[in-house]
Amino acid sequence: MTKTSLLIAASACAALLAPVAQAAPLTVTLTNIEAQTGEIRLGVFDAEGYETGTAASGANVAANAETVSVTIEGLAPGQYGIKLYHDVNGDGEMNTNPFGMPIEPFAFSNNAKGRFGPAKWDAARFDVTEDGAAQTIAIN
């Protein structure tokens, strides 16, 4: 075995012994659901995904009560933001008016508000620790 091969093998073994961040649960409680029809579609995003629309995880939750909850498992500890909308008519899309303004309820983590678009990352971000996290979001 060459010296380089030995170093690579040793590095690989060290990586296996390094502590691994535990997957953490995120419990999301959604309140203020006016119409108990359709689904609430939510995405959980890291900083980059929040801007690009690429979710790290997500869930579809039946909107069958004024308050519903979902637990999302397997998130690595870090900072996340949630974007969600209530698909009242169940067509799988966030419906808008002719000017592009949403006509179905929507919300963001930390109950952050957007101006002329989604809430900004700094307003919506929250920490998920190794113990997990919880968010309560009132749907507009």
N, C-alpha and C. Protein backbone atom coordinates (compact mmCIF):
# COMPACT_ATOMS: atom_id res chain seq x y z
N MET A 1 0.85 -1.17 0.00
CA MET A 1 0.00 0.00 0.00
C MET A 1 0.89 1.23 0.00
N THR A 2 0.60 2.17 -0.88
CA THR A 2 1.42 3.37 -0.95
C THR A 2 1.09 4.29 0.21
N LYS A 3 1.95 5.25 0.40
CA LYS A 3 1.76 6.21 1.48
C LYS A 3 0.47 7.01 1.26
N THR A 4 0.19 7.39 0.01
CA THR A 4 -1.03 8.14 -0.30
C THR A 4 -2.26 7.30 -0.02
N SER A 5 -2.25 6.03 -0.42
CA SER A 5 -3.39 5.14 -0.16
C SER A 5 -3.62 4.97 1.33
N LEU A 6 -2.54 4.89 2.08
CA LEU A 6 -2.65 4.74 3.53
C LEU A 6 -3.27 5.98 4.16
N LEU A 7 -2.88 7.17 3.69
CA LEU A 7 -3.45 8.41 4.21
C LEU A 7 -4.93 8.51 3.88
N ILE A 8 -5.31 8.12 2.67
CA ILE A 8 -6.72 8.16 2.29
C ILE A 8 -7.52 7.21 3.15
N ALA A 9 -7.02 6.00 3.37
CA ALA A 9 -7.71 5.02 4.21
C ALA A 9 -7.85 5.52 5.64
N ALA A 10 -6.80 6.14 6.17
CA ALA A 10 -6.85 6.67 7.54
C ALA A 10 -7.87 7.80 7.63
N SER A 11 -7.91 8.65 6.62
CA SER A 11 -8.88 9.75 6.61
C SER A 11 -10.30 9.22 6.58
N ALA A 12 -10.54 8.20 5.78
CA ALA A 12 -11.87 7.61 5.68
C ALA A 12 -12.29 7.02 7.02
N CYS A 13 -11.39 6.34 7.71
CA CYS A 13 -11.70 5.78 9.02
C CYS A 13 -12.00 6.88 10.04
N ALA A 14 -11.23 7.95 9.99
CA ALA A 14 -11.46 9.07 10.91
C ALA A 14 -12.82 9.70 10.67
N ALA A 15 -13.21 9.80 9.40
CA ALA A 15 -14.52 10.37 9.07
C ALA A 15 -15.65 9.51 9.63
N LEU A 16 -15.46 8.20 9.62
CA LEU A 16 -16.49 7.31 10.16
C LEU A 16 -16.62 7.45 11.66
N LEU A 17 -15.55 7.81 12.33
CA LEU A 17 -15.57 7.95 13.78
C LEU A 17 -16.00 9.34 14.24
N ALA A 18 -16.04 10.31 13.32
CA ALA A 18 -16.42 11.68 13.68
C ALA A 18 -17.88 11.70 14.11
N PRO A 19 -18.23 12.57 15.09
CA PRO A 19 -19.61 12.64 15.52
C PRO A 19 -20.50 13.12 14.37
N VAL A 20 -21.66 12.50 14.26
CA VAL A 20 -22.61 12.85 13.22
C VAL A 20 -23.77 13.59 13.87
N ALA A 21 -24.19 14.70 13.26
CA ALA A 21 -25.32 15.45 13.78
C ALA A 21 -26.58 14.60 13.68
N GLN A 22 -27.33 14.53 14.75
CA GLN A 22 -28.54 13.73 14.79
C GLN A 22 -29.65 14.40 13.99
N ALA A 23 -30.48 13.59 13.37
CA ALA A 23 -31.66 14.11 12.71
C ALA A 23 -32.62 14.62 13.78
N ALA A 24 -33.26 15.74 13.51
CA ALA A 24 -34.09 16.39 14.51
C ALA A 24 -35.52 16.54 14.00
N PRO A 25 -36.53 16.35 14.88
CA PRO A 25 -37.92 16.53 14.47
C PRO A 25 -38.33 18.00 14.54
N LEU A 26 -39.20 18.39 13.63
CA LEU A 26 -39.78 19.73 13.62
C LEU A 26 -41.29 19.56 13.69
N THR A 27 -41.89 20.07 14.75
CA THR A 27 -43.35 20.02 14.88
C THR A 27 -43.92 21.37 14.48
N VAL A 28 -44.83 21.33 13.52
CA VAL A 28 -45.46 22.56 13.00
C VAL A 28 -46.94 22.49 13.34
N THR A 29 -47.41 23.48 14.09
CA THR A 29 -48.82 23.61 14.42
C THR A 29 -49.38 24.77 13.62
N LEU A 30 -50.45 24.50 12.88
CA LEU A 30 -51.08 25.49 12.01
C LEU A 30 -52.41 25.89 12.61
N THR A 31 -52.59 27.18 12.83
CA THR A 31 -53.80 27.68 13.46
C THR A 31 -54.53 28.64 12.51
N ASN A 32 -55.74 29.01 12.90
CA ASN A 32 -56.52 30.01 12.17
C ASN A 32 -56.95 29.50 10.80
N ILE A 33 -57.21 28.20 10.69
CA ILE A 33 -57.65 27.62 9.42
C ILE A 33 -59.15 27.88 9.29
N GLU A 34 -59.52 28.77 8.40
CA GLU A 34 -60.92 29.16 8.27
C GLU A 34 -61.75 28.13 7.53
N ALA A 35 -61.27 27.64 6.38
CA ALA A 35 -62.01 26.65 5.59
C ALA A 35 -61.42 25.28 5.87
N GLN A 36 -62.22 24.37 6.38
CA GLN A 36 -61.74 23.02 6.66
C GLN A 36 -61.93 22.12 5.43
N THR A 37 -61.27 22.51 4.34
CA THR A 37 -61.28 21.74 3.10
C THR A 37 -59.87 21.76 2.52
N GLY A 38 -59.60 20.83 1.62
CA GLY A 38 -58.32 20.81 0.93
C GLY A 38 -57.16 20.44 1.84
N GLU A 39 -55.97 20.87 1.43
CA GLU A 39 -54.74 20.56 2.15
C GLU A 39 -53.92 21.82 2.38
N ILE A 40 -53.10 21.75 3.41
CA ILE A 40 -52.09 22.78 3.62
C ILE A 40 -50.79 22.17 3.12
N ARG A 41 -50.15 22.84 2.19
CA ARG A 41 -48.91 22.36 1.59
C ARG A 41 -47.78 23.22 2.13
N LEU A 42 -46.84 22.58 2.82
CA LEU A 42 -45.76 23.36 3.40
C LEU A 42 -44.41 22.81 2.99
N GLY A 43 -43.47 23.73 2.81
CA GLY A 43 -42.10 23.36 2.51
C GLY A 43 -41.19 23.91 3.59
N VAL A 44 -40.19 23.11 3.95
CA VAL A 44 -39.16 23.51 4.91
C VAL A 44 -37.88 23.72 4.11
N PHE A 45 -37.30 24.90 4.23
CA PHE A 45 -36.17 25.30 3.39
C PHE A 45 -34.96 25.68 4.22
N ASP A 46 -33.77 25.37 3.72
CA ASP A 46 -32.56 25.96 4.28
C ASP A 46 -32.38 27.32 3.59
N ALA A 47 -31.33 28.05 3.92
CA ALA A 47 -31.17 29.43 3.41
C ALA A 47 -31.16 29.47 1.89
N GLU A 48 -30.38 28.61 1.27
CA GLU A 48 -30.29 28.62 -0.19
C GLU A 48 -31.62 28.20 -0.82
N GLY A 49 -32.22 27.16 -0.30
CA GLY A 49 -33.48 26.67 -0.83
C GLY A 49 -34.62 27.66 -0.67
N TYR A 50 -34.56 28.47 0.37
CA TYR A 50 -35.61 29.47 0.60
C TYR A 50 -35.67 30.44 -0.57
N GLU A 51 -34.50 30.78 -1.11
CA GLU A 51 -34.43 31.71 -2.24
C GLU A 51 -34.74 31.02 -3.57
N THR A 52 -34.32 29.76 -3.72
CA THR A 52 -34.48 29.08 -5.00
C THR A 52 -35.76 28.27 -5.11
N GLY A 53 -36.42 28.01 -3.97
CA GLY A 53 -37.64 27.22 -3.99
C GLY A 53 -37.40 25.72 -3.87
N THR A 54 -36.20 25.32 -3.49
CA THR A 54 -35.88 23.90 -3.33
C THR A 54 -35.99 23.52 -1.86
N ALA A 55 -37.03 22.77 -1.53
CA ALA A 55 -37.30 22.42 -0.13
C ALA A 55 -36.39 21.30 0.35
N ALA A 56 -35.98 21.41 1.62
CA ALA A 56 -35.22 20.34 2.27
C ALA A 56 -36.17 19.23 2.71
N SER A 57 -37.41 19.59 3.00
CA SER A 57 -38.43 18.66 3.42
C SER A 57 -39.78 19.36 3.28
N GLY A 58 -40.83 18.64 3.58
CA GLY A 58 -42.15 19.26 3.50
C GLY A 58 -43.23 18.27 3.87
N ALA A 59 -44.46 18.72 3.78
CA ALA A 59 -45.61 17.87 4.11
C ALA A 59 -46.87 18.48 3.52
N ASN A 60 -47.82 17.61 3.26
CA ASN A 60 -49.19 18.02 2.92
C ASN A 60 -50.05 17.58 4.09
N VAL A 61 -50.82 18.52 4.63
CA VAL A 61 -51.60 18.25 5.84
C VAL A 61 -53.07 18.51 5.53
N ALA A 62 -53.94 17.55 5.84
CA ALA A 62 -55.38 17.75 5.65
C ALA A 62 -55.84 18.92 6.52
N ALA A 63 -56.56 19.83 5.90
CA ALA A 63 -57.09 20.99 6.62
C ALA A 63 -58.48 20.66 7.13
N ASN A 64 -58.55 19.76 8.11
CA ASN A 64 -59.83 19.24 8.57
C ASN A 64 -60.25 19.77 9.94
N ALA A 65 -59.56 20.78 10.44
CA ALA A 65 -59.89 21.40 11.73
C ALA A 65 -59.35 22.82 11.72
N GLU A 66 -59.74 23.61 12.72
CA GLU A 66 -59.24 24.98 12.81
C GLU A 66 -57.75 25.01 13.15
N THR A 67 -57.27 23.96 13.83
CA THR A 67 -55.85 23.81 14.18
C THR A 67 -55.42 22.39 13.84
N VAL A 68 -54.30 22.26 13.13
CA VAL A 68 -53.74 20.94 12.79
C VAL A 68 -52.24 20.98 13.05
N SER A 69 -51.65 19.81 13.22
CA SER A 69 -50.21 19.71 13.46
C SER A 69 -49.60 18.62 12.60
N VAL A 70 -48.31 18.77 12.33
CA VAL A 70 -47.55 17.76 11.62
C VAL A 70 -46.14 17.78 12.18
N THR A 71 -45.52 16.60 12.25
CA THR A 71 -44.13 16.51 12.67
C THR A 71 -43.31 16.03 11.48
N ILE A 72 -42.28 16.77 11.17
CA ILE A 72 -41.37 16.45 10.08
C ILE A 72 -40.11 15.90 10.70
N GLU A 73 -39.76 14.69 10.34
CA GLU A 73 -38.61 14.01 10.90
C GLU A 73 -37.39 14.14 9.99
N GLY A 74 -36.22 13.99 10.58
CA GLY A 74 -35.01 13.82 9.80
C GLY A 74 -34.29 15.08 9.36
N LEU A 75 -34.61 16.22 9.91
CA LEU A 75 -33.89 17.44 9.55
C LEU A 75 -32.55 17.49 10.28
N ALA A 76 -31.51 17.85 9.57
CA ALA A 76 -30.22 18.07 10.22
C ALA A 76 -30.32 19.36 11.03
N PRO A 77 -29.68 19.44 12.19
CA PRO A 77 -29.70 20.69 12.93
C PRO A 77 -29.19 21.84 12.06
N GLY A 78 -29.83 22.99 12.18
CA GLY A 78 -29.45 24.15 11.38
C GLY A 78 -30.57 25.16 11.35
N GLN A 79 -30.47 26.09 10.41
CA GLN A 79 -31.49 27.12 10.27
C GLN A 79 -32.39 26.79 9.10
N TYR A 80 -33.70 27.00 9.31
CA TYR A 80 -34.70 26.69 8.31
C TYR A 80 -35.76 27.79 8.28
N GLY A 81 -36.52 27.80 7.22
CA GLY A 81 -37.68 28.67 7.08
C GLY A 81 -38.80 27.87 6.43
N ILE A 82 -40.04 28.23 6.75
CA ILE A 82 -41.20 27.52 6.21
C ILE A 82 -42.00 28.48 5.34
N LYS A 83 -42.41 27.98 4.17
CA LYS A 83 -43.38 28.65 3.31
C LYS A 83 -44.54 27.68 3.16
N LEU A 84 -45.77 28.18 3.27
CA LEU A 84 -46.92 27.30 3.12
C LEU A 84 -48.09 28.04 2.51
N TYR A 85 -48.99 27.25 1.94
CA TYR A 85 -50.26 27.80 1.49
C TYR A 85 -51.36 26.77 1.72
N HIS A 86 -52.58 27.27 1.84
CA HIS A 86 -53.74 26.41 2.04
C HIS A 86 -54.41 26.23 0.68
N ASP A 87 -54.28 25.03 0.14
CA ASP A 87 -54.89 24.68 -1.15
C ASP A 87 -56.36 24.35 -0.89
N VAL A 88 -57.15 25.39 -0.73
CA VAL A 88 -58.55 25.25 -0.31
C VAL A 88 -59.34 24.39 -1.29
N ASN A 89 -59.15 24.59 -2.59
CA ASN A 89 -59.94 23.87 -3.58
C ASN A 89 -59.31 22.55 -4.02
N GLY A 90 -58.13 22.20 -3.46
CA GLY A 90 -57.51 20.92 -3.72
C GLY A 90 -57.00 20.71 -5.14
N ASP A 91 -56.67 21.79 -5.85
CA ASP A 91 -56.20 21.63 -7.23
C ASP A 91 -54.68 21.50 -7.33
N GLY A 92 -53.97 21.52 -6.18
CA GLY A 92 -52.52 21.35 -6.18
C GLY A 92 -51.74 22.59 -6.53
N GLU A 93 -52.40 23.72 -6.64
CA GLU A 93 -51.73 24.97 -6.99
C GLU A 93 -52.16 26.08 -6.05
N MET A 94 -51.27 27.08 -5.90
CA MET A 94 -51.66 28.27 -5.17
C MET A 94 -52.33 29.20 -6.18
N ASN A 95 -53.63 29.35 -6.03
CA ASN A 95 -54.38 30.15 -6.99
C ASN A 95 -54.16 31.63 -6.76
N THR A 96 -54.13 32.37 -7.88
CA THR A 96 -53.89 33.81 -7.83
C THR A 96 -54.95 34.53 -8.66
N ASN A 97 -55.06 35.83 -8.44
CA ASN A 97 -55.96 36.65 -9.25
C ASN A 97 -55.24 37.03 -10.55
N PRO A 98 -55.89 37.74 -11.45
CA PRO A 98 -55.24 38.10 -12.72
C PRO A 98 -53.96 38.94 -12.56
N PHE A 99 -53.77 39.54 -11.41
CA PHE A 99 -52.57 40.35 -11.17
C PHE A 99 -51.46 39.56 -10.49
N GLY A 100 -51.70 38.26 -10.25
CA GLY A 100 -50.69 37.40 -9.63
C GLY A 100 -50.72 37.40 -8.11
N MET A 101 -51.69 38.05 -7.53
CA MET A 101 -51.81 38.09 -6.06
C MET A 101 -52.51 36.81 -5.58
N PRO A 102 -51.98 36.17 -4.53
CA PRO A 102 -52.60 34.93 -4.04
C PRO A 102 -54.03 35.16 -3.58
N ILE A 103 -54.90 34.20 -3.91
CA ILE A 103 -56.28 34.26 -3.43
C ILE A 103 -56.57 33.11 -2.45
N GLU A 104 -55.55 32.27 -2.22
CA GLU A 104 -55.67 31.24 -1.19
C GLU A 104 -54.76 31.64 -0.03
N PRO A 105 -55.14 31.26 1.20
CA PRO A 105 -54.36 31.65 2.37
C PRO A 105 -52.93 31.12 2.32
N PHE A 106 -52.00 31.87 2.87
CA PHE A 106 -50.60 31.48 2.91
C PHE A 106 -49.97 32.03 4.18
N ALA A 107 -48.78 31.51 4.52
CA ALA A 107 -48.09 31.98 5.72
C ALA A 107 -46.64 31.54 5.68
N PHE A 108 -45.86 32.07 6.63
CA PHE A 108 -44.43 31.78 6.74
C PHE A 108 -44.08 31.51 8.20
N SER A 109 -42.97 30.82 8.42
CA SER A 109 -42.51 30.56 9.78
C SER A 109 -42.32 31.88 10.52
N ASN A 110 -42.40 31.81 11.82
CA ASN A 110 -42.33 32.98 12.71
C ASN A 110 -43.46 33.96 12.45
N ASN A 111 -44.48 33.54 11.69
CA ASN A 111 -45.58 34.42 11.29
C ASN A 111 -45.04 35.67 10.60
N ALA A 112 -43.93 35.51 9.90
CA ALA A 112 -43.31 36.62 9.17
C ALA A 112 -44.25 37.07 8.04
N LYS A 113 -44.20 38.33 7.74
CA LYS A 113 -45.03 38.91 6.68
C LYS A 113 -44.15 39.34 5.52
N GLY A 114 -44.64 39.14 4.32
CA GLY A 114 -43.94 39.59 3.14
C GLY A 114 -44.52 40.90 2.63
N ARG A 115 -43.70 41.64 1.93
CA ARG A 115 -44.17 42.86 1.26
C ARG A 115 -43.91 42.68 -0.22
N PHE A 116 -44.97 42.61 -0.99
CA PHE A 116 -44.84 42.42 -2.44
C PHE A 116 -44.08 41.15 -2.78
N GLY A 117 -44.32 40.09 -2.02
CA GLY A 117 -43.66 38.81 -2.24
C GLY A 117 -43.54 38.07 -0.93
N PRO A 118 -42.82 36.95 -0.96
CA PRO A 118 -42.67 36.15 0.27
C PRO A 118 -41.92 36.91 1.36
N ALA A 119 -42.12 36.48 2.60
CA ALA A 119 -41.36 37.03 3.73
C ALA A 119 -39.87 36.79 3.48
N LYS A 120 -39.05 37.69 3.94
CA LYS A 120 -37.60 37.57 3.79
C LYS A 120 -37.06 36.48 4.71
N TRP A 121 -35.95 35.89 4.28
CA TRP A 121 -35.30 34.82 5.04
C TRP A 121 -35.03 35.24 6.47
N ASP A 122 -34.49 36.44 6.68
CA ASP A 122 -34.13 36.88 8.04
C ASP A 122 -35.34 36.93 8.97
N ALA A 123 -36.52 37.19 8.42
CA ALA A 123 -37.73 37.23 9.24
C ALA A 123 -38.31 35.84 9.48
N ALA A 124 -38.11 34.92 8.54
CA ALA A 124 -38.74 33.60 8.62
C ALA A 124 -37.84 32.53 9.23
N ARG A 125 -36.54 32.75 9.29
CA ARG A 125 -35.63 31.68 9.72
C ARG A 125 -35.75 31.39 11.22
N PHE A 126 -35.49 30.12 11.54
CA PHE A 126 -35.51 29.67 12.93
C PHE A 126 -34.52 28.53 13.05
N ASP A 127 -34.13 28.23 14.28
CA ASP A 127 -33.13 27.19 14.53
C ASP A 127 -33.80 25.86 14.84
N VAL A 128 -33.25 24.81 14.24
CA VAL A 128 -33.59 23.44 14.62
C VAL A 128 -32.34 22.87 15.28
N THR A 129 -32.46 22.52 16.55
CA THR A 129 -31.33 21.96 17.29
C THR A 129 -31.38 20.44 17.20
N GLU A 130 -30.41 19.79 17.82
CA GLU A 130 -30.42 18.32 17.86
C GLU A 130 -31.65 17.78 18.57
N ASP A 131 -32.23 18.60 19.46
CA ASP A 131 -33.45 18.20 20.16
C ASP A 131 -34.70 18.46 19.34
N GLY A 132 -34.57 19.18 18.22
CA GLY A 132 -35.71 19.50 17.38
C GLY A 132 -36.16 20.93 17.57
N ALA A 133 -37.36 21.23 17.08
CA ALA A 133 -37.92 22.57 17.18
C ALA A 133 -39.42 22.50 16.98
N ALA A 134 -40.09 23.60 17.29
CA ALA A 134 -41.54 23.71 17.09
C ALA A 134 -41.83 25.09 16.53
N GLN A 135 -42.78 25.14 15.64
CA GLN A 135 -43.27 26.39 15.08
C GLN A 135 -44.79 26.37 15.14
N THR A 136 -45.39 27.48 15.56
CA THR A 136 -46.84 27.66 15.48
C THR A 136 -47.07 28.80 14.51
N ILE A 137 -47.84 28.50 13.46
CA ILE A 137 -48.02 29.46 12.38
C ILE A 137 -49.53 29.70 12.18
N ALA A 138 -49.93 30.97 12.24
CA ALA A 138 -51.31 31.35 11.97
C ALA A 138 -51.45 31.60 10.47
N ILE A 139 -52.39 30.92 9.86
CA ILE A 139 -52.59 31.05 8.42
C ILE A 139 -53.44 32.28 8.16
N ASN A 140 -52.99 33.11 7.24
CA ASN A 140 -53.70 34.37 6.91
C ASN A 140 -54.92 34.09 6.07
